[in-house]
Amino acid sequence: MWFRNLLVYRLTQDLQLDAEKLEAALASKPARPCASQELSTYGFVAPLGKGADAPLAHVSQDFFLIAARKEERILPGSVVRDALKEKVDEIEEQQMRKVYKKERDQLKDDIVQSFLPRAFLRRQTTFAAIAPQQGLILVDASSPKKAEDLLSTLREALGSLPVRPLSVKIAPTATFTDWMKSQHASNGLQLLDECELRDTHEDGGIVRCKRQDLGSDEVQNHLAAGKLVTKLSLAWSDKLSLLIDDKLALKRLRFEDLLQDQAEQDGGDDALAQQDASFTLMMLTFVEFLPQLIEALGGEEIPQGV
């Protein structure tokens, strides 16, 4: 159970949460299959284990692991458009009249409803960790939309969820650019070999570097020309590596072999115990890493009124 992506959210009030309360709340919004005429459903599933007895909230030390599943029917737009055109052409030819927008919309709705029972089903699961003592919710998602789907459903289940995206005092692009120019980052962070640079002008160019020496003259010339660093690959304390962007989204997280080997050793031969051990080690690493990252980026920004 290692997250591949990370979006960090700050709880703005103390979340009085225990395993029993969280389990009951999640059970009020369970995942379920799409009915024949439904486009999608969304709800919580057991993050670890299978079967009816698997808890919806996995507890390890002071951390909670939860998971939400979206089930949706995949109905290609081209299929609907072709069927709609065929139906409109048929009406206009047989009835010798024009089909206008209101009728076209109704025809489209009818076609969608008729096709839905035969559409393919797709399931996507999003994981999140709640760390009440640290005041954080960590979502394993690459897009804010997926994270917000989970958070809004959790908010409905709990009745309240005072949370906001993590932000820092200094624009991340400024910090990334300074690190690139000096070839030095602070707080145990090391620059790796990937970045994205953008021109500050509205229609300016974008340069993406992979497997490059970021201190080379070629890359440094782009910085001298005024480009800003919007994505940067980093390593931290020989424990993990990642790609961070200017919205503080962490992607391509990789936990080093030492941690993964420790999880295997702690979990033994039981697969579920190994998942629990890896989740615990991951969260302990995040608890140590995130304050260092926030400090390196200039400290956390606390919006006025919060």
Foldseek 3Di string as FASTA:
>chain_A
DFFFWKFKKFFPDQDPDDLVLLQQLQVVFAFDEDDQQDFKHKGWDQPFDDDPPRTQWDDDDQKTKHKMKMKGFDDDPVVLVVVLVVVQVVCCVVVVDHDDDVNSVVVSSVVSRVCRNVTDMDMDMKMWMDRSVVRMIMTRDQDVVVVVVVVVSSCVSNVHTRMDTWDADAQQQVLVLVCLLVQDFDLQKHFDWWWKWFAPDPPTDIDTTGNHDSNDPVNVVSVVVPITTFKTWMDGPLAWIFIAGRSRMTGRIDGDPVQLVVLCVQQDPDPSSSVSSSVVSNVVVCVVPVVSVNVRSHHTDDDPPD
